[in-house]
């Protein structure tokens, strides 16, 4: 890397400060221990390591639900070991917040050990796009490639269209397919209306992780994303588990929503003024990093501007 205070964005422009969340530099290992954040709800924190999601293990009286697996079979095996230790002989379910390498490509470890649940949109992504993700992510770094070694993409045991409720015994898990929003197959998991697992619909102290990374992932609907965040805020969960970053509350969801509204409005104004998406991205990124100075991942601003520009083009 050249100057440690600058990073080159996807369009070749330089960001104004170092990016503290660069994929591939650190081994994306699930290395945390489960911490009980609400009665019967455990979270394995991501430690702000790229490609490591926050992972949930939820215990009911007679069943347990795992939310997300980490990248690759070895991480999936680690998560399964934690789940089995906590759950004992309870029946296991697995759900993922989106079918991408970081969140769901450890599912093979659960095959035969848990009932694997995907939304219909996640199954579509599995059958039509997952193999391309594997090839692309294998080229990101030796650490990521090693985590994908021996990968098998596995189908689910149960699928659903928009909403599925799982009775864990005294604890209710509600899965909702929310995409297309951040991507085509976003899924949220509510636990008794007290804990929300939101996946990459929002992160803590991080510019939202957008499509266009990899560049072929263009499934995005900014308006639906904002509407989805409004609905999640209205549910008023006590504890909010983001896709990445520290546990938080609905205030962080509101902050991400405000950022997306800002991006949408700025992209529209810049486009009306005749600016290219690269020109607009440079201007918007500079102001956004000043407005949200503690957020990591500034390169994501440029992906976001391009995504909003493309949505405006489609809607012409």
C-alpha atoms as a PDB file:
ATOM      1  CA  UNK A   1       0.000   0.000   0.000  1.00  0.00           C
ATOM      2  CA  UNK A   2       1.261   3.482  -0.770  1.00  0.00           C
ATOM      3  CA  UNK A   3       0.401   6.296   1.634  1.00  0.00           C
ATOM      4  CA  UNK A   4      -1.240   4.792   4.753  1.00  0.00           C
ATOM      5  CA  UNK A   5      -3.522   7.827   4.975  1.00  0.00           C
ATOM      6  CA  UNK A   6      -5.080   7.267   1.550  1.00  0.00           C
ATOM      7  CA  UNK A   7      -6.763   4.401  -0.263  1.00  0.00           C
ATOM      8  CA  UNK A   8      -7.763   4.071  -3.873  1.00  0.00           C
ATOM      9  CA  UNK A   9     -11.472   3.501  -4.451  1.00  0.00           C
ATOM     10  CA  UNK A  10     -13.084   1.259  -7.049  1.00  0.00           C
ATOM     11  CA  UNK A  11     -13.176   4.110  -9.565  1.00  0.00           C
ATOM     12  CA  UNK A  12      -9.516   5.041  -9.147  1.00  0.00           C
ATOM     13  CA  UNK A  13     -10.042   8.089  -6.918  1.00  0.00           C
ATOM     14  CA  UNK A  14      -8.386   8.387  -3.527  1.00  0.00           C
ATOM     15  CA  UNK A  15     -10.320   8.353  -0.282  1.00  0.00           C
ATOM     16  CA  UNK A  16      -9.369  10.898   2.356  1.00  0.00           C
ATOM     17  CA  UNK A  17      -8.327   8.540   5.143  1.00  0.00           C
ATOM     18  CA  UNK A  18      -7.191   5.008   5.807  1.00  0.00           C
ATOM     19  CA  UNK A  19      -9.747   2.224   5.618  1.00  0.00           C
ATOM     20  CA  UNK A  20      -9.763   0.191   8.802  1.00  0.00           C
ATOM     21  CA  UNK A  21     -11.875  -2.585   7.285  1.00  0.00           C
ATOM     22  CA  UNK A  22      -9.992  -4.050   4.348  1.00  0.00           C
ATOM     23  CA  UNK A  23     -11.114  -7.538   3.226  1.00  0.00           C
ATOM     24  CA  UNK A  24      -8.537 -10.284   2.934  1.00  0.00           C
ATOM     25  CA  UNK A  25      -5.698  -8.815   4.995  1.00  0.00           C
ATOM     26  CA  UNK A  26      -6.621 -10.811   8.112  1.00  0.00           C
ATOM     27  CA  UNK A  27      -7.651 -14.466   8.199  1.00  0.00           C
ATOM     28  CA  UNK A  28     -11.492 -14.426   8.331  1.00  0.00           C
ATOM     29  CA  UNK A  29     -11.662 -16.929  11.179  1.00  0.00           C
ATOM     30  CA  UNK A  30     -14.619 -17.220  13.533  1.00  0.00           C
ATOM     31  CA  UNK A  31     -12.587 -16.895  16.720  1.00  0.00           C
ATOM     32  CA  UNK A  32     -14.855 -15.391  19.369  1.00  0.00           C
ATOM     33  CA  UNK A  33     -16.704 -17.139  22.159  1.00  0.00           C
ATOM     34  CA  UNK A  34     -20.504 -17.127  22.448  1.00  0.00           C
ATOM     35  CA  UNK A  35     -21.742 -14.383  24.777  1.00  0.00           C
ATOM     36  CA  UNK A  36     -25.299 -14.404  26.146  1.00  0.00           C
ATOM     37  CA  UNK A  37     -26.844 -11.048  25.193  1.00  0.00           C
ATOM     38  CA  UNK A  38     -30.441 -11.853  26.147  1.00  0.00           C
ATOM     39  CA  UNK A  39     -32.019 -14.878  27.791  1.00  0.00           C
ATOM     40  CA  UNK A  40     -31.092 -17.872  25.645  1.00  0.00           C
ATOM     41  CA  UNK A  41     -29.600 -15.708  22.876  1.00  0.00           C
ATOM     42  CA  UNK A  42     -25.855 -15.977  22.313  1.00  0.00           C
ATOM     43  CA  UNK A  43     -23.704 -14.017  19.877  1.00  0.00           C
ATOM     44  CA  UNK A  44     -20.230 -14.861  18.590  1.00  0.00           C
ATOM     45  CA  UNK A  45     -18.849 -11.425  17.780  1.00  0.00           C
ATOM     46  CA  UNK A  46     -17.037 -10.653  14.548  1.00  0.00           C
ATOM     47  CA  UNK A  47     -14.223  -8.685  16.261  1.00  0.00           C
ATOM     48  CA  UNK A  48     -14.490  -6.311  13.270  1.00  0.00           C
ATOM     49  CA  UNK A  49     -12.676  -8.789  11.027  1.00  0.00           C
ATOM     50  CA  UNK A  50     -13.789  -8.555   7.372  1.00  0.00           C
ATOM     51  CA  UNK A  51     -15.819 -11.520   6.074  1.00  0.00           C
ATOM     52  CA  UNK A  52     -16.584 -12.616   9.641  1.00  0.00           C
ATOM     53  CA  UNK A  53     -20.241 -11.979  10.520  1.00  0.00           C
ATOM     54  CA  UNK A  54     -21.833 -11.715  13.911  1.00  0.00           C
ATOM     55  CA  UNK A  55     -23.199 -15.205  14.517  1.00  0.00           C
ATOM     56  CA  UNK A  56     -26.207 -16.092  16.635  1.00  0.00           C
ATOM     57  CA  UNK A  57     -27.102 -19.198  18.620  1.00  0.00           C
ATOM     58  CA  UNK A  58     -30.629 -19.088  20.047  1.00  0.00           C
ATOM     59  CA  UNK A  59     -31.830 -21.663  22.574  1.00  0.00           C
ATOM     60  CA  UNK A  60     -35.422 -22.672  23.172  1.00  0.00           C
ATOM     61  CA  UNK A  61     -36.736 -25.422  25.405  1.00  0.00           C
ATOM     62  CA  UNK A  62     -36.536 -28.119  22.742  1.00  0.00           C
ATOM     63  CA  UNK A  63     -34.724 -26.626  19.737  1.00  0.00           C
ATOM     64  CA  UNK A  64     -31.974 -24.153  18.852  1.00  0.00           C
ATOM     65  CA  UNK A  65     -31.394 -21.845  15.907  1.00  0.00           C
ATOM     66  CA  UNK A  66     -28.019 -20.834  14.465  1.00  0.00           C
ATOM     67  CA  UNK A  67     -27.875 -17.594  12.475  1.00  0.00           C
ATOM     68  CA  UNK A  68     -25.002 -17.445   9.935  1.00  0.00           C
ATOM     69  CA  UNK A  69     -21.912 -19.634   9.632  1.00  0.00           C
ATOM     70  CA  UNK A  70     -18.864 -17.640   8.615  1.00  0.00           C
ATOM     71  CA  UNK A  71     -16.918 -18.281   5.430  1.00  0.00           C
ATOM     72  CA  UNK A  72     -16.092 -21.850   4.456  1.00  0.00           C
ATOM     73  CA  UNK A  73     -16.440 -25.319   5.977  1.00  0.00           C
ATOM     74  CA  UNK A  74     -13.856 -24.915   8.754  1.00  0.00           C
ATOM     75  CA  UNK A  75     -15.637 -21.866  10.156  1.00  0.00           C
ATOM     76  CA  UNK A  76     -18.950 -23.655   9.820  1.00  0.00           C
ATOM     77  CA  UNK A  77     -17.547 -26.548  11.844  1.00  0.00           C
ATOM     78  CA  UNK A  78     -16.433 -24.159  14.601  1.00  0.00           C
ATOM     79  CA  UNK A  79     -19.907 -22.618  14.771  1.00  0.00           C
ATOM     80  CA  UNK A  80     -21.545 -26.049  14.822  1.00  0.00           C
ATOM     81  CA  UNK A  81     -19.292 -27.096  17.709  1.00  0.00           C
ATOM     82  CA  UNK A  82     -20.317 -24.033  19.725  1.00  0.00           C
ATOM     83  CA  UNK A  83     -23.978 -24.647  18.902  1.00  0.00           C
ATOM     84  CA  UNK A  84     -23.871 -28.294  19.898  1.00  0.00           C
ATOM     85  CA  UNK A  85     -22.099 -27.478  23.156  1.00  0.00           C
ATOM     86  CA  UNK A  86     -24.740 -24.895  24.092  1.00  0.00           C
ATOM     87  CA  UNK A  87     -27.766 -26.744  22.715  1.00  0.00           C
ATOM     88  CA  UNK A  88     -27.004 -30.205  24.037  1.00  0.00           C
ATOM     89  CA  UNK A  89     -29.444 -32.658  22.492  1.00  0.00           C
ATOM     90  CA  UNK A  90     -31.862 -29.988  21.231  1.00  0.00           C
ATOM     91  CA  UNK A  91     -32.868 -30.120  17.579  1.00  0.00           C
ATOM     92  CA  UNK A  92     -30.807 -27.647  15.535  1.00  0.00           C
ATOM     93  CA  UNK A  93     -31.925 -25.254  12.803  1.00  0.00           C
ATOM     94  CA  UNK A  94     -29.662 -23.110  10.627  1.00  0.00           C
ATOM     95  CA  UNK A  95     -30.677 -19.856   8.940  1.00  0.00           C
ATOM     96  CA  UNK A  96     -28.485 -17.352   7.099  1.00  0.00           C
ATOM     97  CA  UNK A  97     -29.022 -13.638   6.619  1.00  0.00           C
ATOM     98  CA  UNK A  98     -27.881 -13.788   2.986  1.00  0.00           C
ATOM     99  CA  UNK A  99     -26.396 -16.421   0.722  1.00  0.00           C
ATOM    100  CA  UNK A 100     -22.923 -15.015   0.244  1.00  0.00           C
ATOM    101  CA  UNK A 101     -19.517 -16.395   1.276  1.00  0.00           C
ATOM    102  CA  UNK A 102     -19.145 -14.520   4.557  1.00  0.00           C
ATOM    103  CA  UNK A 103     -22.577 -15.325   5.939  1.00  0.00           C
ATOM    104  CA  UNK A 104     -23.604 -18.674   4.487  1.00  0.00           C
ATOM    105  CA  UNK A 105     -20.746 -20.576   2.882  1.00  0.00           C
ATOM    106  CA  UNK A 106     -20.146 -22.674   5.978  1.00  0.00           C
ATOM    107  CA  UNK A 107     -23.508 -24.416   5.741  1.00  0.00           C
ATOM    108  CA  UNK A 108     -22.038 -27.749   4.639  1.00  0.00           C
ATOM    109  CA  UNK A 109     -20.835 -28.375   8.202  1.00  0.00           C
ATOM    110  CA  UNK A 110     -24.493 -28.424   9.276  1.00  0.00           C
ATOM    111  CA  UNK A 111     -25.674 -30.897   6.644  1.00  0.00           C
ATOM    112  CA  UNK A 112     -27.207 -33.829   8.503  1.00  0.00           C
ATOM    113  CA  UNK A 113     -26.678 -32.094  11.859  1.00  0.00           C
ATOM    114  CA  UNK A 114     -29.328 -29.385  11.520  1.00  0.00           C
ATOM    115  CA  UNK A 115     -32.412 -28.511   9.525  1.00  0.00           C
ATOM    116  CA  UNK A 116     -31.096 -25.940   7.034  1.00  0.00           C
ATOM    117  CA  UNK A 117     -33.580 -23.182   6.182  1.00  0.00           C
ATOM    118  CA  UNK A 118     -33.266 -20.812   3.195  1.00  0.00           C
ATOM    119  CA  UNK A 119     -35.692 -18.340   1.736  1.00  0.00           C
ATOM    120  CA  UNK A 120     -36.704 -18.918  -1.880  1.00  0.00           C
ATOM    121  CA  UNK A 121     -34.529 -15.939  -2.843  1.00  0.00           C
ATOM    122  CA  UNK A 122     -31.534 -17.526  -1.121  1.00  0.00           C
ATOM    123  CA  UNK A 123     -32.106 -20.792  -2.969  1.00  0.00           C
ATOM    124  CA  UNK A 124     -32.212 -18.849  -6.237  1.00  0.00           C
ATOM    125  CA  UNK A 125     -28.918 -17.186  -5.381  1.00  0.00           C
ATOM    126  CA  UNK A 126     -27.431 -20.574  -4.497  1.00  0.00           C
ATOM    127  CA  UNK A 127     -28.389 -22.151  -7.805  1.00  0.00           C
ATOM    128  CA  UNK A 128     -27.665 -19.187 -10.086  1.00  0.00           C
ATOM    129  CA  UNK A 129     -24.865 -17.108  -8.551  1.00  0.00           C
ATOM    130  CA  UNK A 130     -23.043 -18.909  -5.738  1.00  0.00           C
ATOM    131  CA  UNK A 131     -20.421 -20.635  -7.887  1.00  0.00           C
ATOM    132  CA  UNK A 132     -19.360 -17.285  -9.333  1.00  0.00           C
ATOM    133  CA  UNK A 133     -18.930 -15.905  -5.818  1.00  0.00           C
ATOM    134  CA  UNK A 134     -16.648 -18.812  -4.948  1.00  0.00           C
ATOM    135  CA  UNK A 135     -14.340 -18.151  -7.892  1.00  0.00           C
ATOM    136  CA  UNK A 136     -14.206 -14.405  -7.223  1.00  0.00           C
ATOM    137  CA  UNK A 137     -13.588 -14.673  -3.488  1.00  0.00           C
ATOM    138  CA  UNK A 138     -10.844 -17.258  -3.991  1.00  0.00           C
ATOM    139  CA  UNK A 139      -8.828 -14.578  -5.787  1.00  0.00           C
ATOM    140  CA  UNK A 140      -9.122 -11.967  -3.013  1.00  0.00           C
ATOM    141  CA  UNK A 141      -6.328 -13.236  -0.783  1.00  0.00           C
ATOM    142  CA  UNK A 142      -4.609 -16.455   0.324  1.00  0.00           C
ATOM    143  CA  UNK A 143      -6.469 -16.216   3.657  1.00  0.00           C
ATOM    144  CA  UNK A 144      -9.871 -16.184   1.972  1.00  0.00           C
ATOM    145  CA  UNK A 145      -8.897 -18.877  -0.545  1.00  0.00           C
ATOM    146  CA  UNK A 146      -7.784 -21.154   2.296  1.00  0.00           C
ATOM    147  CA  UNK A 147     -11.131 -20.710   4.061  1.00  0.00           C
ATOM    148  CA  UNK A 148     -12.935 -21.783   0.880  1.00  0.00           C
ATOM    149  CA  UNK A 149     -10.803 -24.903   0.460  1.00  0.00           C
ATOM    150  CA  UNK A 150     -12.989 -28.007   0.352  1.00  0.00           C
ATOM    151  CA  UNK A 151     -16.164 -25.968  -0.019  1.00  0.00           C
ATOM    152  CA  UNK A 152     -19.378 -27.701  -1.040  1.00  0.00           C
ATOM    153  CA  UNK A 153     -22.458 -25.590  -1.707  1.00  0.00           C
ATOM    154  CA  UNK A 154     -25.405 -27.302  -0.054  1.00  0.00           C
ATOM    155  CA  UNK A 155     -29.125 -26.874  -0.537  1.00  0.00           C
ATOM    156  CA  UNK A 156     -31.623 -26.455   2.265  1.00  0.00           C
ATOM    157  CA  UNK A 157     -34.028 -28.863   3.922  1.00  0.00           C
ATOM    158  CA  UNK A 158     -36.817 -26.270   4.207  1.00  0.00           C
ATOM    159  CA  UNK A 159     -37.523 -23.153   2.143  1.00  0.00           C
ATOM    160  CA  UNK A 160     -40.089 -20.386   2.415  1.00  0.00           C
ATOM    161  CA  UNK A 161     -41.246 -17.409   0.369  1.00  0.00           C
ATOM    162  CA  UNK A 162     -41.658 -14.325   2.617  1.00  0.00           C
ATOM    163  CA  UNK A 163     -42.073 -15.304   6.283  1.00  0.00           C
ATOM    164  CA  UNK A 164     -41.399 -18.365   8.421  1.00  0.00           C
ATOM    165  CA  UNK A 165     -41.949 -18.809  12.146  1.00  0.00           C
ATOM    166  CA  UNK A 166     -39.929 -21.428  14.025  1.00  0.00           C
ATOM    167  CA  UNK A 167     -41.083 -22.499  17.484  1.00  0.00           C
ATOM    168  CA  UNK A 168     -37.971 -23.345  19.493  1.00  0.00           C
ATOM    169  CA  UNK A 169     -40.011 -24.106  22.608  1.00  0.00           C
ATOM    170  CA  UNK A 170     -40.866 -21.038  24.662  1.00  0.00           C
ATOM    171  CA  UNK A 171     -38.927 -18.928  22.180  1.00  0.00           C
ATOM    172  CA  UNK A 172     -40.181 -17.824  18.783  1.00  0.00           C
ATOM    173  CA  UNK A 173     -37.917 -17.058  15.829  1.00  0.00           C
ATOM    174  CA  UNK A 174     -39.455 -15.205  12.887  1.00  0.00           C
ATOM    175  CA  UNK A 175     -37.549 -15.228   9.599  1.00  0.00           C
ATOM    176  CA  UNK A 176     -38.455 -12.637   6.967  1.00  0.00           C
ATOM    177  CA  UNK A 177     -37.236 -12.350   3.398  1.00  0.00           C
ATOM    178  CA  UNK A 178     -36.662  -8.603   2.924  1.00  0.00           C
ATOM    179  CA  UNK A 179     -34.914  -8.385  -0.440  1.00  0.00           C
ATOM    180  CA  UNK A 180     -34.288  -7.015  -2.846  1.00  0.00           C
ATOM    181  CA  UNK A 181     -32.818  -4.287  -0.649  1.00  0.00           C
ATOM    182  CA  UNK A 182     -29.099  -4.315   0.187  1.00  0.00           C
ATOM    183  CA  UNK A 183     -29.101  -7.383  -2.050  1.00  0.00           C
ATOM    184  CA  UNK A 184     -31.628  -9.771  -3.507  1.00  0.00           C
ATOM    185  CA  UNK A 185     -31.962 -12.198  -0.584  1.00  0.00           C
ATOM    186  CA  UNK A 186     -31.662 -10.196   2.644  1.00  0.00           C
ATOM    187  CA  UNK A 187     -33.221 -12.034   5.568  1.00  0.00           C
ATOM    188  CA  UNK A 188     -33.908 -10.794   9.087  1.00  0.00           C
ATOM    189  CA  UNK A 189     -34.425 -12.913  12.192  1.00  0.00           C
ATOM    190  CA  UNK A 190     -36.505 -11.638  15.120  1.00  0.00           C
ATOM    191  CA  UNK A 191     -36.331 -13.466  18.428  1.00  0.00           C
ATOM    192  CA  UNK A 192     -39.516 -12.850  20.454  1.00  0.00           C
ATOM    193  CA  UNK A 193     -39.509  -9.209  19.321  1.00  0.00           C
ATOM    194  CA  UNK A 194     -36.584  -8.573  21.708  1.00  0.00           C
ATOM    195  CA  UNK A 195     -33.524  -9.375  19.569  1.00  0.00           C
ATOM    196  CA  UNK A 196     -33.060  -8.591  15.885  1.00  0.00           C
ATOM    197  CA  UNK A 197     -30.436 -10.155  13.620  1.00  0.00           C
ATOM    198  CA  UNK A 198     -30.275  -7.844  10.604  1.00  0.00           C
ATOM    199  CA  UNK A 199     -27.419  -9.158   8.495  1.00  0.00           C
ATOM    200  CA  UNK A 200     -25.860  -6.632   6.137  1.00  0.00           C
ATOM    201  CA  UNK A 201     -28.919  -4.408   6.062  1.00  0.00           C
ATOM    202  CA  UNK A 202     -26.882  -2.433   8.606  1.00  0.00           C
ATOM    203  CA  UNK A 203     -23.511  -2.471  10.342  1.00  0.00           C
ATOM    204  CA  UNK A 204     -22.101  -0.675  13.384  1.00  0.00           C
ATOM    205  CA  UNK A 205     -19.633   2.175  12.752  1.00  0.00           C
ATOM    206  CA  UNK A 206     -19.235   1.104   9.163  1.00  0.00           C
ATOM    207  CA  UNK A 207     -20.426   2.432   5.840  1.00  0.00           C
ATOM    208  CA  UNK A 208     -22.940  -0.202   4.684  1.00  0.00           C
ATOM    209  CA  UNK A 209     -21.494  -3.044   2.659  1.00  0.00           C
ATOM    210  CA  UNK A 210     -22.963  -2.622  -0.793  1.00  0.00           C
ATOM    211  CA  UNK A 211     -23.393  -4.768  -3.864  1.00  0.00           C
ATOM    212  CA  UNK A 212     -20.966  -4.236  -6.741  1.00  0.00           C
ATOM    213  CA  UNK A 213     -18.442  -6.120  -4.618  1.00  0.00           C
ATOM    214  CA  UNK A 214     -17.940  -8.373  -6.490  1.00  0.00           C
ATOM    215  CA  UNK A 215     -18.819  -6.151  -9.472  1.00  0.00           C
ATOM    216  CA  UNK A 216     -21.344  -8.611 -10.917  1.00  0.00           C
ATOM    217  CA  UNK A 217     -23.516  -8.396  -7.791  1.00  0.00           C
ATOM    218  CA  UNK A 218     -25.902  -5.658  -8.914  1.00  0.00           C
ATOM    219  CA  UNK A 219     -29.070  -6.777  -7.106  1.00  0.00           C
ATOM    220  CA  UNK A 220     -29.930  -3.595  -5.225  1.00  0.00           C
ATOM    221  CA  UNK A 221     -33.012  -1.543  -4.453  1.00  0.00           C
ATOM    222  CA  UNK A 222     -32.178   1.534  -2.431  1.00  0.00           C
ATOM    223  CA  UNK A 223     -35.765   2.600  -1.827  1.00  0.00           C
ATOM    224  CA  UNK A 224     -36.794  -0.835  -0.575  1.00  0.00           C
ATOM    225  CA  UNK A 225     -33.698  -0.880   1.623  1.00  0.00           C
ATOM    226  CA  UNK A 226     -34.687   2.403   3.260  1.00  0.00           C
ATOM    227  CA  UNK A 227     -38.293   1.210   3.654  1.00  0.00           C
ATOM    228  CA  UNK A 228     -37.051  -2.038   5.206  1.00  0.00           C
ATOM    229  CA  UNK A 229     -34.978  -0.144   7.763  1.00  0.00           C
ATOM    230  CA  UNK A 230     -38.017   1.980   8.640  1.00  0.00           C
ATOM    231  CA  UNK A 231     -40.004  -1.196   9.312  1.00  0.00           C
ATOM    232  CA  UNK A 232     -37.205  -2.654  11.442  1.00  0.00           C
ATOM    233  CA  UNK A 233     -36.971   0.533  13.503  1.00  0.00           C
ATOM    234  CA  UNK A 234     -40.722   0.320  14.127  1.00  0.00           C
ATOM    235  CA  UNK A 235     -40.354  -3.165  15.659  1.00  0.00           C
ATOM    236  CA  UNK A 236     -38.320  -1.601  18.525  1.00  0.00           C
ATOM    237  CA  UNK A 237     -36.151  -4.597  19.465  1.00  0.00           C
ATOM    238  CA  UNK A 238     -34.188  -4.338  22.712  1.00  0.00           C
ATOM    239  CA  UNK A 239     -30.972  -5.630  21.150  1.00  0.00           C
ATOM    240  CA  UNK A 240     -29.851  -5.229  17.564  1.00  0.00           C
ATOM    241  CA  UNK A 241     -27.247  -7.575  16.078  1.00  0.00           C
ATOM    242  CA  UNK A 242     -25.758  -6.078  12.904  1.00  0.00           C
ATOM    243  CA  UNK A 243     -24.140  -8.088  10.163  1.00  0.00           C
ATOM    244  CA  UNK A 244     -20.770  -6.717  11.263  1.00  0.00           C
ATOM    245  CA  UNK A 245     -19.609  -4.574  14.158  1.00  0.00           C
ATOM    246  CA  UNK A 246     -20.664  -4.242  17.761  1.00  0.00           C
ATOM    247  CA  UNK A 247     -24.140  -5.014  19.101  1.00  0.00           C
ATOM    248  CA  UNK A 248     -26.289  -1.925  19.107  1.00  0.00           C
ATOM    249  CA  UNK A 249     -29.858  -0.601  19.238  1.00  0.00           C
ATOM    250  CA  UNK A 250     -32.357   0.906  16.814  1.00  0.00           C
ATOM    251  CA  UNK A 251     -30.426   4.168  16.900  1.00  0.00           C
ATOM    252  CA  UNK A 252     -27.776   2.603  14.672  1.00  0.00           C
ATOM    253  CA  UNK A 253     -30.417   1.352  12.235  1.00  0.00           C
ATOM    254  CA  UNK A 254     -31.725   4.919  12.084  1.00  0.00           C
ATOM    255  CA  UNK A 255     -28.209   6.227  11.436  1.00  0.00           C
ATOM    256  CA  UNK A 256     -27.759   3.841   8.501  1.00  0.00           C
ATOM    257  CA  UNK A 257     -31.190   4.797   7.184  1.00  0.00           C
ATOM    258  CA  UNK A 258     -30.278   8.501   7.352  1.00  0.00           C
ATOM    259  CA  UNK A 259     -27.032   7.807   5.503  1.00  0.00           C
ATOM    260  CA  UNK A 260     -28.868   5.951   2.731  1.00  0.00           C
ATOM    261  CA  UNK A 261     -31.424   8.754   2.406  1.00  0.00           C
ATOM    262  CA  UNK A 262     -28.527  11.218   2.139  1.00  0.00           C
ATOM    263  CA  UNK A 263     -26.875   9.104  -0.572  1.00  0.00           C
ATOM    264  CA  UNK A 264     -30.104   8.750  -2.518  1.00  0.00           C
ATOM    265  CA  UNK A 265     -30.774  12.482  -2.486  1.00  0.00           C
ATOM    266  CA  UNK A 266     -27.191  13.442  -3.301  1.00  0.00           C
ATOM    267  CA  UNK A 267     -26.948  10.918  -6.140  1.00  0.00           C
ATOM    268  CA  UNK A 268     -30.150  12.275  -7.667  1.00  0.00           C
ATOM    269  CA  UNK A 269     -28.938  15.872  -7.419  1.00  0.00           C
ATOM    270  CA  UNK A 270     -25.503  15.087  -8.849  1.00  0.00           C
ATOM    271  CA  UNK A 271     -27.008  13.124 -11.719  1.00  0.00           C
ATOM    272  CA  UNK A 272     -29.412  15.962 -12.565  1.00  0.00           C
ATOM    273  CA  UNK A 273     -26.402  18.297 -12.604  1.00  0.00           C
ATOM    274  CA  UNK A 274     -24.750  16.067 -15.212  1.00  0.00           C
ATOM    275  CA  UNK A 275     -22.030  14.533 -13.026  1.00  0.00           C
ATOM    276  CA  UNK A 276     -20.802  11.028 -13.811  1.00  0.00           C
ATOM    277  CA  UNK A 277     -21.104   8.478 -11.014  1.00  0.00           C
ATOM    278  CA  UNK A 278     -17.325   8.681 -10.489  1.00  0.00           C
ATOM    279  CA  UNK A 279     -17.432  12.465 -10.159  1.00  0.00           C
ATOM    280  CA  UNK A 280     -20.430  12.275  -7.861  1.00  0.00           C
ATOM    281  CA  UNK A 281     -18.797   9.557  -5.767  1.00  0.00           C
ATOM    282  CA  UNK A 282     -15.707  11.670  -5.145  1.00  0.00           C
ATOM    283  CA  UNK A 283     -17.783  14.642  -3.993  1.00  0.00           C
ATOM    284  CA  UNK A 284     -20.220  12.639  -1.910  1.00  0.00           C
ATOM    285  CA  UNK A 285     -17.487  10.515  -0.296  1.00  0.00           C
ATOM    286  CA  UNK A 286     -15.609  13.564   0.931  1.00  0.00           C
ATOM    287  CA  UNK A 287     -18.682  14.989   2.650  1.00  0.00           C
ATOM    288  CA  UNK A 288     -19.882  11.607   3.974  1.00  0.00           C
ATOM    289  CA  UNK A 289     -16.565  10.881   5.686  1.00  0.00           C
ATOM    290  CA  UNK A 290     -16.805  14.250   7.416  1.00  0.00           C
ATOM    291  CA  UNK A 291     -20.400  13.610   8.478  1.00  0.00           C
ATOM    292  CA  UNK A 292     -19.744  10.052   9.726  1.00  0.00           C
ATOM    293  CA  UNK A 293     -16.053  10.307  10.723  1.00  0.00           C
ATOM    294  CA  UNK A 294     -15.944   7.198  12.941  1.00  0.00           C
ATOM    295  CA  UNK A 295     -17.283   4.779  10.324  1.00  0.00           C
ATOM    296  CA  UNK A 296     -14.967   2.256   8.652  1.00  0.00           C
ATOM    297  CA  UNK A 297     -15.155   1.129   5.034  1.00  0.00           C
ATOM    298  CA  UNK A 298     -15.137   4.472   3.163  1.00  0.00           C
ATOM    299  CA  UNK A 299     -14.612   2.659  -0.147  1.00  0.00           C
ATOM    300  CA  UNK A 300     -18.216   1.442   0.220  1.00  0.00           C
ATOM    301  CA  UNK A 301     -19.463   4.988  -0.358  1.00  0.00           C
ATOM    302  CA  UNK A 302     -18.366   4.800  -3.979  1.00  0.00           C
ATOM    303  CA  UNK A 303     -20.056   1.458  -4.541  1.00  0.00           C
ATOM    304  CA  UNK A 304     -23.213   2.954  -3.049  1.00  0.00           C
ATOM    305  CA  UNK A 305     -23.197   6.016  -5.298  1.00  0.00           C
ATOM    306  CA  UNK A 306     -22.818   3.800  -8.353  1.00  0.00           C
ATOM    307  CA  UNK A 307     -25.686   1.593  -7.146  1.00  0.00           C
ATOM    308  CA  UNK A 308     -28.007   4.575  -6.679  1.00  0.00           C
ATOM    309  CA  UNK A 309     -26.967   5.971 -10.079  1.00  0.00           C
ATOM    310  CA  UNK A 310     -27.755   2.657 -11.751  1.00  0.00           C
ATOM    311  CA  UNK A 311     -31.146   2.492 -10.038  1.00  0.00           C
ATOM    312  CA  UNK A 312     -31.953   5.987 -11.317  1.00  0.00           C
ATOM    313  CA  UNK A 313     -30.936   4.874 -14.827  1.00  0.00           C
ATOM    314  CA  UNK A 314     -33.218   1.822 -14.631  1.00  0.00           C
ATOM    315  CA  UNK A 315     -36.147   3.950 -13.519  1.00  0.00           C
ATOM    316  CA  UNK A 316     -35.897   6.454 -16.369  1.00  0.00           C
END
